[in-house]
Structures are given as C-alpha cells and as structure tokens.
C-alpha cells in the first residue's frame, strides 16, 4: 500500500469516526427519557380520563382554547378567537387556517364537529363533559364552528381546555379503527406518537410541521418509560437511565434525591384536594351536624402534613383549591385550633350530641390502599389517633383496593371515607357544584348533602360571567360548607418533579400539565 493510499485510508477512517461520534452525540442530546409510575391507559381523547393519559394527549393534540403556560388563564389554541352569542347560550369559534394533523389532514369546522360527535358516540369516561354542557355543534363555514349550550355556563371556556375536546383526524380513525387509534393517535400537537406499549413506554417524536412555531419542540424525541414503584424510578434517575422523574416519587425518595448534586428537585402546590366524606343520607350518626363539626375540630391537620407527608403537602380549608385565590375562602380554618382547645371544642359538641366515655361514637373510616399512593394508610391511622384522643370516639379502619372501594362507594355502604379530587376543568365550579348540588352530591360522592339555598347560589354562580359576583356567590357556598360540614377539606399534596441538572425547560405548571415542547438537554 502506497503512502498516499495509507494517508487516504486514515483520513477516511477519521472522517467516518467523526461522523459516527457526531451522530451518537446528537442522538443522545435529542432524546429525553421521562420516568413515571403513573401509566397512560388511553391516548384517544374520546376515551382518556386518567391523569397520565391526558398528560400525553396534551402534548400530542391541541384544543380550541388552552391554558397559558405559568397561569390558569385561557388563551387561543386551535381557535384564534371566539365570541359568545344569545346571552351566553352559544359560542362561536374561528379556527386557524392551514393547521394540519400529523397525517396531513386539514383542520376544519367539519373535523371539529365530527370529533365532538364521535366522542359522544363512543361514550368514554370523559364524554360527560360534552353531554353535560353542549346541546349541538353547527358548522357555520369551513373555518367557523358554533357550539350551542344547554344553558349559559360561565366557566365553559375552561371546559373546552379538557382533552376530550381535542379534534382528531377523521382519516386516521377511518383507516385505523377506534381500537388502533387509541394506541396510534393522530393529532395536531407538537409531538406525534411513534410507539405505545401499555405499562412499558410511549415514544414521541417532534412534529416538524406543527402550526405553532413558538411551541415547536426543542428536542426530536421524548420517551416516557413506566416504572413499577417509586424507588425503582428514583434509582433509574440517579443512574442516568432516565432524565426526568414525574409522577409519583414518594416523600422518602424525594428527600433522598434532594441531597444529590446531579439532581434538581422542584415542588409546588397542586390543584389536587384531599378530604373526608360523611354519608349523611344513609347513616344516622352523621345526620347530626354537631358530630360532623366535632370531627372537624378533632382532626389534627398538622400531624397529617408534617408527620405523614414531611411537609410535602399543605393544609386546605375549603373544597375550593387555594390556587383560585380570587374566590378561595379558608372557612375551615376556624376548626384548626391549638390542639388542646380543638379537642375541648370537639368533646363539648360530642357530649351535646349524646356521646360519652361509656357511650362513644363508633364508626369505620374507609380508605383505598392502592389509588392515592403509599401514605393513605398512614393518613387514616393519623386521623384515627386524633379522633380517639377525644376519649369519646372509637374508629375502625378498613382499607380496600380501588376497585373494591369504588364498588362500596357506588352502593353507598361506607359511612365515612377518604377521597381525592383533581378538577376536570380548571374552575372553582368543579370543586363545589359536583360536591354540594343536591342531585350530584349523593350519586357521585355518596354524601347526600342537600340545601336549597346552596343549590340556588351554585346555579347563580354558573350563570354570571362577572368574577366579582361569582366570588360573592362562592363565598356564600363555602360558608355553608363550613357550617354544615358534609365534607372536611384536609390537605393538598404538592406536585413534584426531579430531573438531572443537564435538563432545561422543566416547569411545574399551576395546571399540573408537564409541557414537553420546552424541554432541552445540554
């Protein structure tokens, strides 16, 4: 081999090696792996109702209006503008022109109408958000669609931000069928689904023709990997097998990660609420409001927040989440007294209700063992100890799997139990109306609270668009909540995320949605 040929071979080898090295480096930089213990179940907006399912859909689809990043404010989405008609009984959306689905199908008013009617026909879990509020959908022209409401509803734009209102590609549904579309969905969003294996992973790829260039993803690929438990997820993050750990790290694993220099841990308040429910319709002991008020005094919120959750939760004093500061009223704060004073108030009310050391109040506190995380049994035990500290209450604890718990809930067999709530639409109406309106309190929550004044006030709040007036109505409702105590608001667990320190663009949103498009990797 001549010297020139040898030099040429070496140069070619160097160039090839450089190309391969560059390719591998780019490939590594363009992929972020998100680990979670919360597996997506459905990727079809017509079927998805679980948090992580909706999380993926928000990044794969778009809605007509959306929540502005960093806020709970509504901004234009697929609709560039809208207007209300007929005194709020109808809303007209003007669609953006030129928006394409991942398969090239164009977004039109006919597609929006088709998507809404399809969701109603499939009757998936989220379809009630359409049937509850929407009377009819009318195509005005190619890019204009009108929704006729069953009645004026002030928070309707918040409802439209939910994933069930995301348009789907009719061509993709026709080609794939509903079942396949559920695992290979086609939306208009910044990412498209490459592969989805339930309980294993979701692979997303950047949609290069995404209409909103301000939200064009910085990375080409996102992989969501499912883990069985929090500790396994934490170890994967520490080893660099995942870049981000999102839903659900345990309190203990979060504490362990906070000491790692290569890991960043963020925590912020969430929209979740946790509360105690009294079945006041089916169980005699809880028909007496003094008993319910006594329990509100006796529960030790500080023990729940500090001992059980190690400060990774905050006390709440209303069913309305504190994030809605324009109408949140801490009406249960009056029950959260210094411990000896709170117990004295509880004992006084229990004695007035006819209970004593020889005739204690006895009931079972029910909770679910596998739905709200590993701390639920600890919370139940904490409540039992606090109530029994009165000397006039005896509590039995009963934990059930979520499926068993739901069966008991729907058959109205549990007298007192722990539940949680994350809003379907981001508005205080969704924290009050389902819980307290006479026709929903019983069937939905097995509470059976009924108060005509509360019903009338909730309806008035729904019918006025003026925030000051709505806040006034919600103030009245919250005062009744604290007076009648059909539920006891207790705590809200913080949302959290942990990620390696070379990951950029992570943001814990007030809405709890993790947007993938800003994510980057250095």
Protein backbone atom coordinates (compact mmCIF):
# COMPACT_ATOMS: atom_id res chain seq x y z
CA UNK A 1 0.00 0.00 0.00
CA UNK A 2 1.46 3.37 -1.04
CA UNK A 3 1.93 6.23 1.43
CA UNK A 4 -0.77 8.32 -0.31
CA UNK A 5 -3.30 5.48 -0.15
CA UNK A 6 -2.47 4.86 3.53
CA UNK A 7 -2.97 8.55 4.33
CA UNK A 8 -6.23 8.49 2.40
CA UNK A 9 -7.50 5.46 4.31
CA UNK A 10 -6.56 7.10 7.60
CA UNK A 11 -8.32 10.32 6.62
CA UNK A 12 -11.44 8.42 5.61
CA UNK A 13 -11.37 6.49 8.89
CA UNK A 14 -11.02 9.72 10.85
CA UNK A 15 -13.89 11.34 8.95
CA UNK A 16 -16.13 8.29 9.43
CA UNK A 17 -15.27 8.15 13.12
CA UNK A 18 -16.07 11.87 13.46
CA UNK A 19 -19.40 11.43 11.67
CA UNK A 20 -20.33 8.46 13.87
CA UNK A 21 -19.29 10.33 17.03
CA UNK A 22 -21.29 13.40 15.98
CA UNK A 23 -24.31 11.24 15.16
CA UNK A 24 -24.16 9.48 18.53
CA UNK A 25 -23.74 12.77 20.37
CA UNK A 26 -26.67 14.35 18.52
CA UNK A 27 -28.77 11.29 19.10
CA UNK A 28 -28.08 11.41 22.82
CA UNK A 29 -28.75 15.14 23.03
CA UNK A 30 -32.04 14.90 21.16
CA UNK A 31 -33.68 12.30 23.40
CA UNK A 32 -35.11 12.85 26.87
CA UNK A 33 -36.40 9.91 28.90
CA UNK A 34 -39.20 10.68 31.35
CA UNK A 35 -39.81 8.06 34.02
CA UNK A 36 -43.17 7.65 35.76
CA UNK A 37 -45.07 5.18 37.91
CA UNK A 38 -48.37 6.50 36.52
CA UNK A 39 -49.01 4.59 33.27
CA UNK A 40 -51.06 6.09 30.43
CA UNK A 41 -54.11 3.95 29.64
CA UNK A 42 -55.71 5.64 26.61
CA UNK A 43 -54.26 8.02 24.02
CA UNK A 44 -57.59 8.69 22.31
CA UNK A 45 -59.07 11.97 23.61
CA UNK A 46 -62.54 10.41 23.42
CA UNK A 47 -61.51 7.73 25.93
CA UNK A 48 -58.80 9.24 28.14
CA UNK A 49 -59.72 10.29 31.67
CA UNK A 50 -56.66 9.24 33.67
CA UNK A 51 -54.10 11.92 34.52
CA UNK A 52 -51.10 10.50 32.65
CA UNK A 53 -53.23 9.63 29.63
CA UNK A 54 -54.33 13.26 29.44
CA UNK A 55 -50.75 14.40 30.07
CA UNK A 56 -49.58 12.65 26.90
CA UNK A 57 -52.62 13.86 24.93
CA UNK A 58 -51.97 17.49 25.83
CA UNK A 59 -48.59 17.13 24.10
CA UNK A 60 -49.92 15.21 21.07
CA UNK A 61 -53.19 17.07 20.43
CA UNK A 62 -54.46 20.63 20.68
CA UNK A 63 -57.71 22.08 21.95
CA UNK A 64 -59.65 25.08 20.64
CA UNK A 65 -58.53 27.10 23.65
CA UNK A 66 -55.73 26.26 26.08
CA UNK A 67 -54.17 27.31 29.37
CA UNK A 68 -51.44 29.90 29.11
CA UNK A 69 -48.13 28.50 30.46
CA UNK A 70 -47.43 29.53 34.02
CA UNK A 71 -51.04 30.53 34.69
CA UNK A 72 -54.62 29.28 34.86
CA UNK A 73 -55.62 31.86 32.24
CA UNK A 74 -57.21 30.81 28.96
CA UNK A 75 -55.65 31.78 25.64
CA UNK A 76 -56.34 30.96 21.97
CA UNK A 77 -55.42 27.49 20.73
CA UNK A 78 -56.71 25.99 17.50
CA UNK A 79 -59.27 28.78 17.56
CA UNK A 80 -57.65 32.17 17.01
CA UNK A 81 -60.68 33.94 18.51
CA UNK A 82 -64.22 33.32 19.76
CA UNK A 83 -67.39 35.16 20.65
CA UNK A 84 -70.47 34.45 22.74
CA UNK A 85 -73.99 34.74 21.30
CA UNK A 86 -77.56 34.60 22.57
CA UNK A 87 -76.71 35.94 26.03
CA UNK A 88 -74.06 33.27 26.58
CA UNK A 89 -76.15 30.35 25.28
CA UNK A 90 -73.86 29.83 22.27
CA UNK A 91 -70.17 30.26 21.49
CA UNK A 92 -68.61 30.63 18.04
CA UNK A 93 -65.00 29.61 17.42
CA UNK A 94 -62.99 30.94 14.48
CA UNK A 95 -60.38 28.33 13.57
CA UNK A 96 -56.83 28.97 12.44
CA UNK A 97 -56.32 28.26 8.76
CA UNK A 98 -53.68 25.87 7.49
CA UNK A 99 -53.44 23.70 10.61
CA UNK A 100 -52.50 20.12 9.70
CA UNK A 101 -52.83 16.85 11.56
CA UNK A 102 -49.81 14.54 11.76
CA UNK A 103 -51.17 12.64 8.73
CA UNK A 104 -51.60 15.79 6.65
CA UNK A 105 -55.38 16.10 7.13
CA UNK A 106 -56.50 19.73 7.40
CA UNK A 107 -58.30 21.02 10.48
CA UNK A 108 -61.75 22.37 9.55
CA UNK A 109 -65.05 23.07 11.29
CA UNK A 110 -66.35 19.74 9.93
CA UNK A 111 -63.47 17.95 11.68
CA UNK A 112 -64.29 19.68 14.98
CA UNK A 113 -67.96 18.69 14.70
CA UNK A 114 -67.00 15.12 13.75
CA UNK A 115 -64.64 14.82 16.75
CA UNK A 116 -67.26 16.00 19.25
CA UNK A 117 -69.96 13.72 17.87
CA UNK A 118 -67.55 10.78 17.80
CA UNK A 119 -66.66 11.28 21.47
CA UNK A 120 -70.36 11.28 22.37
CA UNK A 121 -70.97 8.12 20.36
CA UNK A 122 -68.07 6.27 21.99
CA UNK A 123 -69.42 7.18 25.45
CA UNK A 124 -65.99 7.12 27.07
CA UNK A 125 -65.46 8.33 30.63
CA UNK A 126 -64.85 11.99 29.65
CA UNK A 127 -67.87 12.21 27.31
CA UNK A 128 -70.00 13.66 30.13
CA UNK A 129 -68.07 16.93 29.76
CA UNK A 130 -69.70 17.25 26.34
CA UNK A 131 -73.16 15.87 27.09
CA UNK A 132 -73.45 17.91 30.31
CA UNK A 133 -72.98 21.27 28.62
CA UNK A 134 -73.29 21.00 24.82
CA UNK A 135 -76.65 20.85 23.05
CA UNK A 136 -75.46 20.94 19.44
CA UNK A 137 -72.45 21.64 17.20
CA UNK A 138 -73.02 23.56 13.96
CA UNK A 139 -70.64 24.14 11.04
CA UNK A 140 -71.00 27.81 10.04
CA UNK A 141 -68.37 27.66 7.30
CA UNK A 142 -65.10 25.83 6.65
CA UNK A 143 -63.26 27.55 9.49
CA UNK A 144 -66.10 28.59 11.79
CA UNK A 145 -67.90 26.31 14.24
CA UNK A 146 -70.70 27.15 16.67
CA UNK A 147 -71.49 25.33 19.92
CA UNK A 148 -75.00 25.69 21.29
CA UNK A 149 -75.02 25.26 25.07
CA UNK A 150 -77.78 23.63 27.07
CA UNK A 151 -77.78 26.79 29.16
CA UNK A 152 -75.40 29.69 29.76
CA UNK A 153 -72.39 28.44 31.69
CA UNK A 154 -69.76 30.93 32.85
CA UNK A 155 -66.77 28.51 33.03
CA UNK A 156 -67.45 26.96 29.60
CA UNK A 157 -64.07 28.02 28.17
CA UNK A 158 -62.35 26.09 30.97
CA UNK A 159 -64.34 23.03 29.95
CA UNK A 160 -63.10 23.42 26.36
CA UNK A 161 -59.47 23.09 27.54
CA UNK A 162 -60.03 19.46 28.55
CA UNK A 163 -58.60 16.78 26.25
CA UNK A 164 -61.97 15.31 25.21
CA UNK A 165 -62.48 18.46 23.11
CA UNK A 166 -59.26 17.90 21.13
CA UNK A 167 -60.02 17.36 17.43
CA UNK A 168 -58.90 14.03 15.94
CA UNK A 169 -58.06 13.16 12.34
CA UNK A 170 -61.17 11.58 10.73
CA UNK A 171 -58.95 9.98 8.07
CA UNK A 172 -56.79 8.30 10.72
CA UNK A 173 -59.83 7.00 12.61
CA UNK A 174 -61.30 5.65 9.37
CA UNK A 175 -58.03 4.00 8.40
CA UNK A 176 -57.07 2.58 11.80
CA UNK A 177 -60.38 1.98 13.58
CA UNK A 178 -61.15 3.14 17.12
CA UNK A 179 -59.11 0.48 18.94
CA UNK A 180 -55.91 1.02 16.96
CA UNK A 181 -56.37 4.80 17.05
CA UNK A 182 -56.25 4.54 20.84
CA UNK A 183 -52.61 3.40 20.67
CA UNK A 184 -51.62 5.21 17.45
CA UNK A 185 -53.48 8.52 17.73
CA UNK A 186 -53.17 11.31 15.19
CA UNK A 187 -53.49 14.87 16.46
CA UNK A 188 -52.34 18.37 15.56
CA UNK A 189 -49.97 18.78 18.54
CA UNK A 190 -46.21 19.40 18.77
CA UNK A 191 -45.44 15.69 19.16
CA UNK A 192 -46.67 12.61 17.32
CA UNK A 193 -46.86 9.08 18.75
CA UNK A 194 -44.28 6.69 17.29
CA UNK A 195 -44.96 3.71 19.55
CA UNK A 196 -47.03 2.91 22.64
CA UNK A 197 -46.78 -0.27 24.69
CA UNK A 198 -49.10 -0.18 27.68
CA UNK A 199 -47.36 -0.37 31.06
CA UNK A 200 -43.98 -0.16 29.29
CA UNK A 201 -43.34 3.01 27.29
CA UNK A 202 -44.55 5.75 24.96
CA UNK A 203 -42.24 7.10 22.25
CA UNK A 204 -42.97 10.57 20.90
CA UNK A 205 -41.34 12.40 18.01
CA UNK A 206 -41.34 16.09 17.11
CA UNK A 207 -43.96 17.11 14.52
CA UNK A 208 -41.92 19.25 12.16
CA UNK A 209 -44.97 20.91 10.57
CA UNK A 210 -46.52 21.98 13.86
CA UNK A 211 -48.57 25.15 13.35
CA UNK A 212 -47.42 26.99 16.48
CA UNK A 213 -43.76 27.75 15.84
CA UNK A 214 -43.45 29.31 19.31
CA UNK A 215 -44.05 25.84 20.73
CA UNK A 216 -42.02 23.79 18.26
CA UNK A 217 -40.19 21.21 20.41
CA UNK A 218 -36.51 21.76 21.02
CA UNK A 219 -35.87 18.01 21.01
CA UNK A 220 -36.65 15.47 18.32
CA UNK A 221 -37.70 12.64 20.62
CA UNK A 222 -39.25 12.07 24.03
CA UNK A 223 -39.51 8.62 25.64
CA UNK A 224 -41.88 8.00 28.54
CA UNK A 225 -40.85 4.90 30.48
CA UNK A 226 -43.12 3.23 33.02
CA UNK A 227 -41.77 2.01 36.38
CA UNK A 228 -43.48 -0.23 38.91
CA UNK A 229 -42.62 1.77 42.03
CA UNK A 230 -41.13 5.00 43.28
CA UNK A 231 -37.83 3.57 44.50
CA UNK A 232 -37.06 1.89 41.17
CA UNK A 233 -37.80 5.18 39.44
CA UNK A 234 -35.54 7.08 41.82
CA UNK A 235 -32.64 4.66 41.25
CA UNK A 236 -33.09 4.96 37.47
CA UNK A 237 -32.85 8.74 37.78
CA UNK A 238 -29.72 8.52 39.93
CA UNK A 239 -28.06 6.18 37.42
CA UNK A 240 -28.96 8.40 34.48
CA UNK A 241 -31.29 5.83 32.91
CA UNK A 242 -34.00 8.49 32.94
CA UNK A 243 -33.61 12.25 32.72
CA UNK A 244 -36.83 13.27 34.48
CA UNK A 245 -38.92 11.56 37.18
CA UNK A 246 -42.54 12.72 37.02
CA UNK A 247 -45.40 11.14 38.99
CA UNK A 248 -45.06 9.62 41.53
CA UNK A 249 -41.98 9.82 43.70
CA UNK A 250 -42.59 9.03 47.36
CA UNK A 251 -41.84 11.55 50.09
CA UNK A 252 -38.88 9.43 51.21
CA UNK A 253 -37.42 9.15 47.69
CA UNK A 254 -37.78 12.90 47.17
CA UNK A 255 -35.91 13.51 50.41
CA UNK A 256 -33.12 11.18 49.26
CA UNK A 257 -32.82 12.95 45.89
CA UNK A 258 -32.61 16.41 47.43
CA UNK A 259 -29.13 15.58 48.67
CA UNK A 260 -27.79 14.71 45.19
CA UNK A 261 -25.74 17.40 43.41
CA UNK A 262 -26.60 15.98 39.98
CA UNK A 263 -30.36 16.07 40.63
CA UNK A 264 -32.75 19.02 40.83
CA UNK A 265 -35.97 18.58 42.81
CA UNK A 266 -38.86 21.02 42.45
CA UNK A 267 -42.10 21.16 44.44
CA UNK A 268 -45.10 23.44 44.04
CA UNK A 269 -48.73 23.49 45.20
CA UNK A 270 -51.10 21.41 43.09
CA UNK A 271 -54.76 21.59 42.08
CA UNK A 272 -55.49 18.40 43.99
CA UNK A 273 -57.64 18.38 47.13
CA UNK A 274 -57.99 15.62 49.72
CA UNK A 275 -60.96 15.42 52.03
CA UNK A 276 -63.16 13.34 54.32
CA UNK A 277 -66.70 12.44 53.22
CA UNK A 278 -69.66 11.83 55.52
CA UNK A 279 -72.55 9.74 54.21
CA UNK A 280 -75.16 11.92 55.90
CA UNK A 281 -78.03 10.38 53.95
CA UNK A 282 -77.63 6.74 54.94
CA UNK A 283 -76.05 6.68 58.39
CA UNK A 284 -77.80 8.06 61.47
CA UNK A 285 -74.72 9.05 63.47
CA UNK A 286 -73.64 11.55 60.81
CA UNK A 287 -77.03 13.20 60.37
CA UNK A 288 -76.21 15.27 63.47
CA UNK A 289 -74.18 18.31 62.37
CA UNK A 290 -72.62 18.55 65.85
CA UNK A 291 -70.93 15.19 65.28
CA UNK A 292 -69.52 16.35 61.95
CA UNK A 293 -68.33 19.63 63.44
CA UNK A 294 -66.72 17.78 66.36
CA UNK A 295 -64.71 15.62 63.96
CA UNK A 296 -63.65 18.75 62.06
CA UNK A 297 -62.22 20.11 65.32
CA UNK A 298 -60.60 16.83 66.39
CA UNK A 299 -58.66 16.02 63.21
CA UNK A 300 -55.02 17.03 63.52
CA UNK A 301 -54.08 18.58 60.17
CA UNK A 302 -50.56 19.39 61.34
CA UNK A 303 -49.90 15.72 62.01
CA UNK A 304 -51.03 14.80 58.51
CA UNK A 305 -48.94 17.46 56.76
CA UNK A 306 -45.81 17.31 58.92
CA UNK A 307 -45.61 13.72 60.15
CA UNK A 308 -47.11 11.80 57.25
CA UNK A 309 -46.03 13.96 54.29
CA UNK A 310 -42.89 15.51 55.84
CA UNK A 311 -44.02 18.96 54.69
CA UNK A 312 -44.64 17.90 51.07
CA UNK A 313 -48.30 18.88 51.44
CA UNK A 314 -50.25 21.88 52.68
CA UNK A 315 -53.38 22.28 54.78
CA UNK A 316 -56.51 23.40 52.97
CA UNK A 317 -59.59 24.98 54.49
CA UNK A 318 -62.15 24.68 51.70
CA UNK A 319 -63.10 22.34 48.88
CA UNK A 320 -62.04 25.15 46.54
CA UNK A 321 -58.32 24.78 45.87
CA UNK A 322 -56.21 27.69 47.23
CA UNK A 323 -54.82 28.32 43.72
CA UNK A 324 -58.11 30.06 42.98
CA UNK A 325 -57.18 32.99 45.18
CA UNK A 326 -59.92 35.19 43.70
CA UNK A 327 -62.61 33.12 45.42
CA UNK A 328 -60.90 30.73 47.87
CA UNK A 329 -62.19 31.31 51.38
CA UNK A 330 -60.47 29.42 54.25
CA UNK A 331 -63.74 28.68 56.05
CA UNK A 332 -62.47 25.60 57.91
CA UNK A 333 -59.60 27.48 59.49
CA UNK A 334 -61.86 28.11 62.49
CA UNK A 335 -61.70 24.36 63.26
CA UNK A 336 -57.89 24.21 63.16
CA UNK A 337 -57.20 25.48 66.66
CA UNK A 338 -54.38 24.91 69.11
CA UNK A 339 -54.58 21.19 69.94
CA UNK A 340 -55.97 21.34 73.48
CA UNK A 341 -58.54 23.96 72.50
CA UNK A 342 -59.63 21.97 69.42
CA UNK A 343 -60.09 18.82 71.50
CA UNK A 344 -62.10 20.72 74.09
CA UNK A 345 -64.46 22.03 71.38
CA UNK A 346 -64.81 18.52 69.92
CA UNK A 347 -65.61 16.98 73.30
CA UNK A 348 -68.18 19.69 74.06
CA UNK A 349 -70.04 19.06 70.79
CA UNK A 350 -69.90 15.27 71.18
CA UNK A 351 -71.38 15.46 74.67
CA UNK A 352 -74.14 17.73 73.37
CA UNK A 353 -74.82 15.09 70.71
CA UNK A 354 -75.28 12.47 73.44
CA UNK A 355 -71.93 10.68 73.47
CA UNK A 356 -69.81 9.88 76.50
CA UNK A 357 -66.97 7.65 77.67
CA UNK A 358 -69.50 4.88 78.31
CA UNK A 359 -71.32 5.56 75.03
CA UNK A 360 -68.66 6.57 72.49
CA UNK A 361 -69.27 7.40 68.85
CA UNK A 362 -68.26 4.31 66.85
CA UNK A 363 -67.74 4.14 63.10
CA UNK A 364 -65.48 2.78 60.36
CA UNK A 365 -63.13 5.02 58.40
CA UNK A 366 -62.62 3.63 54.89
CA UNK A 367 -59.69 4.35 52.59
CA UNK A 368 -58.14 2.93 49.43
CA UNK A 369 -54.86 1.04 49.60
CA UNK A 370 -53.63 1.46 46.02
CA UNK A 371 -55.01 4.63 44.44
CA UNK A 372 -53.60 7.66 46.23
CA UNK A 373 -50.12 6.36 47.00
CA UNK A 374 -48.41 4.57 49.88
CA UNK A 375 -49.28 7.15 52.56
CA UNK A 376 -53.04 6.61 52.64
CA UNK A 377 -52.96 4.04 55.44
CA UNK A 378 -50.73 6.37 57.47
CA UNK A 379 -53.21 9.23 56.99
CA UNK A 380 -56.10 7.01 58.09
CA UNK A 381 -54.16 5.95 61.19
CA UNK A 382 -53.30 9.58 61.93
CA UNK A 383 -56.99 10.55 61.77
CA UNK A 384 -57.99 7.60 63.97
CA UNK A 385 -55.46 8.56 66.65
CA UNK A 386 -56.55 12.21 66.60
CA UNK A 387 -60.25 11.38 66.91
CA UNK A 388 -59.73 8.82 69.66
CA UNK A 389 -57.75 11.43 71.58
CA UNK A 390 -61.14 12.92 72.49
CA UNK A 391 -61.90 9.83 74.56
CA UNK A 392 -65.41 9.79 73.06
CA UNK A 393 -64.76 8.26 69.64
CA UNK A 394 -63.77 4.75 68.56
CA UNK A 395 -62.65 4.30 64.95
CA UNK A 396 -62.15 1.10 62.98
CA UNK A 397 -60.00 1.33 59.84
CA UNK A 398 -60.77 -0.51 56.62
CA UNK A 399 -58.55 -0.36 53.56
CA UNK A 400 -59.75 -1.58 50.17
CA UNK A 401 -58.29 -1.82 46.69
CA UNK A 402 -59.55 0.93 44.39
CA UNK A 403 -61.92 -1.39 42.52
CA UNK A 404 -63.41 -2.65 45.80
CA UNK A 405 -63.58 0.91 47.11
CA UNK A 406 -65.49 2.12 44.03
CA UNK A 407 -67.98 -0.73 44.39
CA UNK A 408 -68.62 0.28 48.00
CA UNK A 409 -68.87 3.93 47.00
CA UNK A 410 -71.44 3.22 44.30
CA UNK A 411 -73.52 1.05 46.64
CA UNK A 412 -73.40 3.76 49.38
CA UNK A 413 -72.12 1.32 52.02
CA UNK A 414 -69.36 3.44 53.56
CA UNK A 415 -70.30 5.85 56.34
CA UNK A 416 -67.06 7.87 56.39
CA UNK A 417 -64.17 7.72 53.94
CA UNK A 418 -61.19 9.49 52.38
CA UNK A 419 -61.36 10.70 48.79
CA UNK A 420 -59.36 12.93 46.46
CA UNK A 421 -60.21 15.25 43.57
CA UNK A 422 -58.42 16.74 40.61
CA UNK A 423 -60.59 19.09 38.52
CA UNK A 424 -61.99 18.08 35.15
CA UNK A 425 -61.99 21.74 34.19
CA UNK A 426 -59.95 24.43 35.91
CA UNK A 427 -62.63 26.45 37.64
CA UNK A 428 -63.98 26.64 41.22
CA UNK A 429 -67.35 25.45 39.94
CA UNK A 430 -65.81 22.00 39.54
CA UNK A 431 -64.79 21.98 43.21
CA UNK A 432 -68.23 22.94 44.53
CA UNK A 433 -71.11 22.05 42.21
CA UNK A 434 -70.46 18.26 41.98
CA UNK A 435 -69.93 18.03 45.75
CA UNK A 436 -72.76 20.18 47.06
CA UNK A 437 -75.54 20.35 44.47
CA UNK A 438 -78.41 18.14 45.61
CA UNK A 439 -78.65 15.96 42.50
CA UNK A 440 -74.93 15.16 42.37
CA UNK A 441 -73.75 15.03 46.00
CA UNK A 442 -75.37 11.66 46.62
CA UNK A 443 -74.87 9.71 43.38
CA UNK A 444 -71.33 10.98 42.78
CA UNK A 445 -69.86 11.15 46.29
CA UNK A 446 -72.25 9.10 48.43
CA UNK A 447 -72.69 12.15 50.66
CA UNK A 448 -76.36 13.07 50.03
CA UNK A 449 -75.99 16.67 51.12
CA UNK A 450 -78.94 18.85 50.11
CA UNK A 451 -79.51 22.53 50.80
CA UNK A 452 -81.88 24.56 48.57
CA UNK A 453 -80.05 27.81 49.33
CA UNK A 454 -76.75 26.26 48.26
CA UNK A 455 -78.35 24.85 45.08
CA UNK A 456 -79.71 28.26 44.09
CA UNK A 457 -76.42 30.01 44.80
CA UNK A 458 -74.40 27.49 42.80
CA UNK A 459 -76.70 27.97 39.81
CA UNK A 460 -76.38 31.77 40.06
CA UNK A 461 -72.60 31.44 40.10
CA UNK A 462 -72.74 29.36 36.93
CA UNK A 463 -74.84 31.91 35.12
CA UNK A 464 -72.81 35.06 35.70
CA UNK A 465 -69.57 35.84 33.92
CA UNK A 466 -68.57 38.60 36.36
CA UNK A 467 -65.76 37.26 38.59
CA UNK A 468 -66.58 39.57 41.49
CA UNK A 469 -70.16 38.38 41.52
CA UNK A 470 -69.13 34.75 41.18
CA UNK A 471 -66.69 35.17 44.09
CA UNK A 472 -69.53 36.55 46.21
CA UNK A 473 -71.72 33.53 45.45
CA UNK A 474 -68.87 31.10 46.15
CA UNK A 475 -68.24 32.87 49.45
CA UNK A 476 -71.82 32.09 50.50
CA UNK A 477 -71.49 28.44 49.42
CA UNK A 478 -68.20 27.98 51.29
CA UNK A 479 -69.72 29.44 54.47
CA UNK A 480 -72.49 26.83 54.25
CA UNK A 481 -69.87 24.15 53.68
CA UNK A 482 -68.11 25.05 56.94
CA UNK A 483 -71.39 25.34 58.83
CA UNK A 484 -72.97 22.08 57.61
CA UNK A 485 -69.71 20.07 57.27
CA UNK A 486 -70.83 17.36 54.79
CA UNK A 487 -67.13 17.14 53.83
CA UNK A 488 -63.96 18.09 55.68
CA UNK A 489 -61.22 19.55 53.43
CA UNK A 490 -57.87 18.40 54.80
CA UNK A 491 -54.77 18.72 52.64
CA UNK A 492 -53.36 19.15 49.17
CA UNK A 493 -50.23 17.22 48.31
CA UNK A 494 -47.61 19.19 46.42
CA UNK A 495 -46.82 18.32 42.85
CA UNK A 496 -43.16 17.49 42.37
CA UNK A 497 -40.61 16.64 39.73
CA UNK A 498 -36.98 15.56 39.85
CA UNK A 499 -34.55 15.81 36.95
CA UNK A 500 -30.88 15.67 36.13
CA UNK A 501 -29.09 19.01 36.15
CA UNK A 502 -28.38 18.98 32.40
CA UNK A 503 -32.11 19.14 31.59
CA UNK A 504 -33.58 22.54 30.77
CA UNK A 505 -37.09 23.87 30.24
CA UNK A 506 -38.79 21.95 33.07
CA UNK A 507 -41.76 23.81 34.54
CA UNK A 508 -44.25 22.76 37.19
CA UNK A 509 -47.42 24.39 35.90
CA UNK A 510 -50.36 25.52 38.06
CA UNK A 511 -52.46 23.24 35.83
CA UNK A 512 -50.10 20.32 36.67
CA UNK A 513 -49.52 19.68 32.94
CA UNK A 514 -45.89 18.97 32.06
CA UNK A 515 -45.30 20.54 28.65
CA UNK A 516 -42.72 18.64 26.62
CA UNK A 517 -42.04 21.24 23.93
CA UNK A 518 -39.76 23.49 26.10
CA UNK A 519 -37.59 20.57 27.27
CA UNK A 520 -33.94 20.59 26.27
CA UNK A 521 -30.80 18.67 27.14
CA UNK A 522 -27.31 20.13 27.33
